[in-house]
Amino acid sequence: MVSAVFHSPLSASVAMKAEKLALDAGSSVIAAAPPATKPVTAPPKTPIDWSAVALKVLTPMIGMALLLGLWALATMNSQVFPSPASTFEAAVKLFADPFYSNGPNDQGIGWNILFSLERVALGFGMAAAVGIPVGFMIGRFKVLNDMLSPLISLLRPVSPLAWLPIGLLVFKSANPAAIWTIFICSIWPMIINTAVGVQRVPVDYLNVARVLNLSEWTIMRKILFPAVLPYMLTGVRLSVGTAWLVIVAAEMLTGGVGIGFWVWDEWNNLNVNHIIIAIFVIGIVGLLLETALVAIAKRFSYDDV
């Protein structure tokens, strides 16, 4: 017996509407569901290479120990040159009160270092204020490059102390003469390195600037400065080293206060211990200045330019 099931048109339409509502509800649920994300895993930690760390720390210490050992052997039976032990004892007494003041010609080593750093800051600051813009203009304009390059090549090799009498003649005073000597001797590395950096900027950058009709100030600020900054900071680092070298020699000749004058005064007193201490102090201060500028150069370098 065959049984047949008959559906009315009304029931069929109701079924179709129900199926459509079910599909719409399912699609809205899928759309509202948040997308599946992969679990975030922390990057694996790189193990510390303790052998490399120990080697980096111990190598300088071994070098210093070797220096002290050779120094101790060389002064074992010496009656003139002090030993490391006596120099250390003198350093402890010296730095116990580095900022004493018993008059203009008798001040602690701390004051002398600060006076020298003040002269270096003034002379070096003026050299940077003049040398960096001049370097930009020399590198940017060929006429200025052809005009000033022979002059720079002529004056740059002149010994720093040769400029000191000119400063004494013009300024009639030892302090501005020393600052002048620092200025004239530290300006050349900044001019040369900045000019070289400008000249090595890719020509395509400047061609794009011409197409965009950029002003010269915009080219300097947006294109040249980021590209030239590493070269400029290299020149600054070389200049500050030169300035610190020059001030010691200039103060030996001009007198007054400063680490150079202090070394010369201790020589007149035949205090060799203090001279050796001053040598280490001068080296440490110069190292700190250079390290600070290297850190600044790394911070503001543009490797993507």
Protein backbone atom coordinates (compact mmCIF):
# COMPACT_ATOMS: atom_id res chain seq x y z
CA MET A 1 0.00 0.00 0.00
CA VAL A 2 1.52 3.19 -1.09
CA SER A 3 1.04 6.15 1.17
CA ALA A 4 1.52 9.64 -0.24
CA VAL A 5 2.28 12.76 1.79
CA PHE A 6 0.78 15.95 0.46
CA HIS A 7 1.99 19.44 1.52
CA SER A 8 -0.05 22.47 1.14
CA PRO A 9 1.48 25.64 -0.45
CA LEU A 10 1.09 27.45 2.86
CA SER A 11 3.17 24.92 4.76
CA ALA A 12 5.88 24.98 2.07
CA SER A 13 6.26 28.76 2.27
CA VAL A 14 6.45 28.63 6.05
CA ALA A 15 9.19 26.02 5.83
CA MET A 16 11.19 28.14 3.35
CA LYS A 17 10.95 31.20 5.61
CA ALA A 18 12.09 29.22 8.61
CA GLU A 19 15.07 27.85 6.66
CA LYS A 20 16.05 31.38 5.55
CA LEU A 21 15.84 32.72 9.11
CA ALA A 22 18.01 29.87 10.30
CA LEU A 23 20.65 30.60 7.62
CA ASP A 24 20.65 34.35 8.47
CA ALA A 25 21.03 33.62 12.15
CA GLY A 26 23.92 31.28 11.46
CA SER A 27 25.73 33.80 9.28
CA SER A 28 25.30 36.54 11.90
CA VAL A 29 26.71 34.27 14.55
CA ILE A 30 29.71 33.49 12.36
CA ALA A 31 30.24 37.18 11.63
CA ALA A 32 30.03 38.11 15.30
CA ALA A 33 32.47 35.43 16.36
CA PRO A 34 35.96 36.84 16.99
CA PRO A 35 38.67 35.69 14.57
CA ALA A 36 40.86 32.93 15.78
CA THR A 37 44.28 34.17 16.87
CA LYS A 38 47.46 32.27 17.42
CA PRO A 39 48.70 32.17 20.99
CA VAL A 40 51.45 34.70 21.57
CA THR A 41 54.61 33.00 22.65
CA ALA A 42 57.54 34.82 24.17
CA PRO A 43 60.72 34.73 22.06
CA PRO A 44 63.27 32.29 23.35
CA LYS A 45 65.81 33.89 25.63
CA THR A 46 69.35 33.92 24.34
CA PRO A 47 71.62 32.32 26.90
CA ILE A 48 74.33 34.59 28.27
CA ASP A 49 77.77 33.67 27.04
CA TRP A 50 79.60 33.97 30.33
CA SER A 51 82.94 33.06 28.75
CA ALA A 52 82.66 36.05 26.36
CA VAL A 53 81.66 38.34 29.24
CA ALA A 54 84.57 37.13 31.36
CA LEU A 55 86.96 37.58 28.44
CA LYS A 56 85.72 41.12 27.82
CA VAL A 57 86.17 42.04 31.48
CA LEU A 58 89.38 40.18 32.19
CA THR A 59 91.30 41.27 29.08
CA PRO A 60 91.55 44.96 30.08
CA MET A 61 92.35 43.95 33.65
CA ILE A 62 95.17 41.74 32.43
CA GLY A 63 96.51 44.64 30.36
CA MET A 64 96.45 46.98 33.37
CA ALA A 65 98.09 44.32 35.56
CA LEU A 66 100.81 43.87 32.95
CA LEU A 67 101.44 47.63 32.90
CA LEU A 68 101.63 47.82 36.69
CA GLY A 69 103.91 44.78 36.81
CA LEU A 70 106.36 46.24 34.29
CA TRP A 71 106.22 49.58 36.10
CA ALA A 72 106.97 47.90 39.44
CA LEU A 73 109.89 45.94 37.96
CA ALA A 74 111.35 49.04 36.31
CA THR A 75 111.20 51.08 39.53
CA MET A 76 112.25 48.37 41.93
CA ASN A 77 115.66 49.92 42.68
CA SER A 78 114.97 53.42 41.34
CA GLN A 79 115.55 56.46 43.54
CA VAL A 80 114.13 58.95 41.01
CA PHE A 81 111.06 57.42 39.40
CA PRO A 82 108.22 56.54 41.82
CA SER A 83 106.80 53.04 42.13
CA PRO A 84 103.12 52.12 41.68
CA ALA A 85 102.69 51.78 45.45
CA SER A 86 104.04 55.27 46.24
CA THR A 87 102.01 56.77 43.39
CA PHE A 88 98.85 55.14 44.73
CA GLU A 89 99.51 56.53 48.20
CA ALA A 90 100.01 60.01 46.74
CA ALA A 91 96.77 59.65 44.74
CA VAL A 92 94.81 58.73 47.87
CA LYS A 93 96.07 61.86 49.63
CA LEU A 94 95.53 64.01 46.55
CA PHE A 95 91.92 62.97 45.96
CA ALA A 96 91.04 63.12 49.64
CA ASP A 97 90.47 66.86 49.11
CA PRO A 98 90.51 67.61 45.35
CA PHE A 99 88.70 70.96 45.66
CA TYR A 100 90.75 72.84 48.20
CA SER A 101 91.74 76.43 47.41
CA ASN A 102 94.67 78.27 48.98
CA GLY A 103 94.90 81.09 46.48
CA PRO A 104 94.92 81.41 42.69
CA ASN A 105 98.14 79.40 42.28
CA ASP A 106 97.40 76.68 44.83
CA GLN A 107 94.17 74.83 44.09
CA GLY A 108 93.14 71.19 44.14
CA ILE A 109 93.31 68.97 41.10
CA GLY A 110 89.52 68.99 40.85
CA TRP A 111 89.42 72.75 40.28
CA ASN A 112 92.18 72.50 37.70
CA ILE A 113 90.30 69.83 35.76
CA LEU A 114 87.12 71.92 35.81
CA PHE A 115 88.96 75.04 34.59
CA SER A 116 90.48 73.05 31.72
CA LEU A 117 87.10 71.56 30.80
CA GLU A 118 85.60 75.05 30.82
CA ARG A 119 88.21 76.28 28.33
CA VAL A 120 87.70 73.20 26.18
CA ALA A 121 83.92 73.70 26.21
CA LEU A 122 84.23 77.34 25.12
CA GLY A 123 86.80 76.78 22.39
CA PHE A 124 85.20 73.57 21.16
CA GLY A 125 81.71 75.09 21.22
CA MET A 126 82.79 78.03 19.10
CA ALA A 127 84.58 75.69 16.70
CA ALA A 128 81.42 73.60 16.31
CA ALA A 129 79.26 76.70 15.80
CA VAL A 130 81.54 77.85 12.98
CA GLY A 131 82.96 74.61 11.57
CA ILE A 132 79.76 72.62 11.03
CA PRO A 133 77.92 75.31 8.98
CA VAL A 134 81.10 76.02 7.00
CA GLY A 135 81.45 72.30 6.29
CA PHE A 136 77.85 72.17 5.05
CA MET A 137 78.42 75.12 2.72
CA ILE A 138 81.72 73.77 1.40
CA GLY A 139 80.18 70.39 0.65
CA ARG A 140 77.04 71.90 -0.86
CA PHE A 141 78.52 74.57 -3.12
CA LYS A 142 81.40 73.74 -5.43
CA VAL A 143 82.54 77.37 -5.67
CA LEU A 144 83.15 77.53 -1.92
CA ASN A 145 84.85 74.14 -2.02
CA ASP A 146 87.30 75.29 -4.69
CA MET A 147 87.88 78.56 -2.83
CA LEU A 148 88.44 77.24 0.71
CA SER A 149 89.94 73.77 0.22
CA PRO A 150 93.48 75.07 -0.48
CA LEU A 151 93.27 77.35 2.56
CA ILE A 152 92.17 74.49 4.81
CA SER A 153 94.89 72.22 3.45
CA LEU A 154 97.46 74.93 4.21
CA LEU A 155 96.37 75.73 7.78
CA ARG A 156 95.29 72.31 9.05
CA PRO A 157 98.81 70.79 9.49
CA VAL A 158 100.05 73.76 11.54
CA SER A 159 101.10 72.75 15.05
CA PRO A 160 98.62 73.80 17.75
CA LEU A 161 101.26 75.63 19.78
CA ALA A 162 102.16 77.76 16.77
CA TRP A 163 98.76 79.44 17.12
CA LEU A 164 99.27 80.32 20.78
CA PRO A 165 101.55 83.37 20.22
CA ILE A 166 99.00 84.76 17.77
CA GLY A 167 96.36 84.50 20.47
CA LEU A 168 98.60 86.16 23.05
CA LEU A 169 99.37 88.95 20.60
CA VAL A 170 95.73 89.60 19.77
CA PHE A 171 94.01 89.06 23.12
CA LYS A 172 96.81 90.19 25.47
CA SER A 173 95.72 87.54 27.98
CA ALA A 174 96.49 83.88 28.59
CA ASN A 175 92.93 82.59 29.06
CA PRO A 176 91.41 83.81 25.76
CA ALA A 177 94.65 82.86 23.99
CA ALA A 178 94.23 79.25 25.19
CA ILE A 179 90.58 79.25 24.10
CA TRP A 180 91.61 80.65 20.71
CA THR A 181 94.17 77.86 20.31
CA ILE A 182 91.53 75.22 21.05
CA PHE A 183 89.15 76.86 18.59
CA ILE A 184 91.57 77.05 15.67
CA CYS A 185 92.89 73.51 16.19
CA SER A 186 89.58 71.73 16.69
CA ILE A 187 87.68 73.38 13.85
CA TRP A 188 89.38 71.51 10.99
CA PRO A 189 88.09 67.96 11.64
CA MET A 190 84.52 69.24 11.87
CA ILE A 191 84.79 71.21 8.62
CA ILE A 192 86.40 68.37 6.69
CA ASN A 193 84.17 65.55 7.92
CA THR A 194 80.97 67.57 7.48
CA ALA A 195 81.96 68.59 3.95
CA VAL A 196 82.82 64.99 3.02
CA GLY A 197 79.47 63.83 4.38
CA VAL A 198 77.57 66.38 2.29
CA GLN A 199 79.50 65.43 -0.84
CA ARG A 200 78.67 61.74 -0.33
CA VAL A 201 74.91 62.24 -0.20
CA PRO A 202 73.42 60.27 -3.15
CA VAL A 203 72.66 62.45 -6.14
CA ASP A 204 69.22 60.84 -6.48
CA TYR A 205 68.14 62.45 -3.19
CA LEU A 206 69.06 65.89 -4.46
CA ASN A 207 67.41 65.24 -7.84
CA VAL A 208 64.15 64.33 -6.11
CA ALA A 209 64.43 67.53 -4.07
CA ARG A 210 64.79 69.57 -7.26
CA VAL A 211 61.77 67.84 -8.81
CA LEU A 212 59.71 68.62 -5.71
CA ASN A 213 61.01 72.21 -5.80
CA LEU A 214 62.16 72.08 -2.17
CA SER A 215 63.81 75.11 -0.64
CA GLU A 216 67.47 75.06 0.32
CA TRP A 217 66.57 75.12 4.01
CA THR A 218 64.28 72.11 3.56
CA ILE A 219 67.01 70.24 1.69
CA MET A 220 69.45 70.98 4.50
CA ARG A 221 67.00 69.95 7.21
CA LYS A 222 65.27 66.94 5.66
CA ILE A 223 67.91 65.41 3.37
CA LEU A 224 71.43 66.59 4.12
CA PHE A 225 71.36 66.69 7.92
CA PRO A 226 70.22 63.06 8.51
CA ALA A 227 72.69 61.78 5.91
CA VAL A 228 75.62 63.89 7.12
CA LEU A 229 75.05 63.39 10.85
CA PRO A 230 77.34 60.32 11.23
CA TYR A 231 80.19 62.13 9.44
CA MET A 232 79.58 65.26 11.48
CA LEU A 233 79.67 63.38 14.78
CA THR A 234 82.90 61.68 13.74
CA GLY A 235 84.42 65.10 13.18
CA VAL A 236 83.10 66.26 16.55
CA ARG A 237 84.68 63.24 18.27
CA LEU A 238 88.04 63.90 16.62
CA SER A 239 87.82 67.58 17.47
CA VAL A 240 87.14 67.09 21.16
CA GLY A 241 90.15 64.77 21.40
CA THR A 242 92.29 67.42 19.73
CA ALA A 243 90.91 70.12 22.02
CA TRP A 244 91.75 68.12 25.15
CA LEU A 245 95.28 67.51 23.89
CA VAL A 246 95.82 71.15 23.01
CA ILE A 247 94.59 72.61 26.30
CA VAL A 248 97.17 70.68 28.33
CA ALA A 249 100.04 72.00 26.21
CA ALA A 250 98.61 75.53 26.07
CA GLU A 251 98.18 75.73 29.84
CA MET A 252 101.76 74.61 30.38
CA LEU A 253 102.90 77.68 28.47
CA THR A 254 100.35 80.25 29.59
CA GLY A 255 100.19 79.39 33.31
CA GLY A 256 97.31 80.29 35.58
CA VAL A 257 94.99 77.42 36.49
CA GLY A 258 94.22 74.22 34.64
CA ILE A 259 95.46 70.66 34.50
CA GLY A 260 98.31 71.59 32.15
CA PHE A 261 99.54 74.33 34.45
CA TRP A 262 99.14 71.96 37.41
CA VAL A 263 101.42 69.39 35.73
CA TRP A 264 104.04 72.02 35.01
CA ASP A 265 103.84 73.40 38.54
CA GLU A 266 104.32 69.91 39.98
CA TRP A 267 107.37 69.47 37.75
CA ASN A 268 108.83 72.68 39.14
CA ASN A 269 108.26 71.19 42.60
CA LEU A 270 109.88 67.91 41.46
CA ASN A 271 106.76 66.02 42.51
CA VAL A 272 106.87 63.19 39.99
CA ASN A 273 104.11 61.26 41.76
CA HIS A 274 101.62 64.00 41.00
CA ILE A 275 102.78 64.21 37.38
CA ILE A 276 102.06 60.51 36.88
CA ILE A 277 98.68 60.92 38.56
CA ALA A 278 97.91 63.83 36.23
CA ILE A 279 98.81 61.69 33.20
CA PHE A 280 96.25 59.08 34.27
CA VAL A 281 93.66 61.77 35.02
CA ILE A 282 94.14 63.41 31.62
CA GLY A 283 93.79 60.04 29.91
CA ILE A 284 90.64 59.11 31.86
CA VAL A 285 88.94 62.45 31.19
CA GLY A 286 89.77 62.22 27.48
CA LEU A 287 88.45 58.65 27.37
CA LEU A 288 85.20 59.69 29.04
CA LEU A 289 84.72 62.56 26.59
CA GLU A 290 85.28 60.31 23.59
CA THR A 291 83.06 57.55 25.00
CA ALA A 292 80.23 60.01 25.54
CA LEU A 293 80.48 61.29 21.98
CA VAL A 294 80.61 57.75 20.57
CA ALA A 295 77.41 56.95 22.48
CA ILE A 296 75.77 60.08 21.06
CA ALA A 297 76.93 59.15 17.55
CA LYS A 298 75.35 55.69 17.87
CA ARG A 299 72.15 57.18 19.24
CA PHE A 300 71.69 59.63 16.37
CA SER A 301 72.99 57.56 13.47
CA TYR A 302 70.71 57.08 10.46
CA ASP A 303 71.63 53.72 8.98
CA ASP A 304 68.67 53.71 6.64
CA VAL A 305 69.70 56.89 4.82
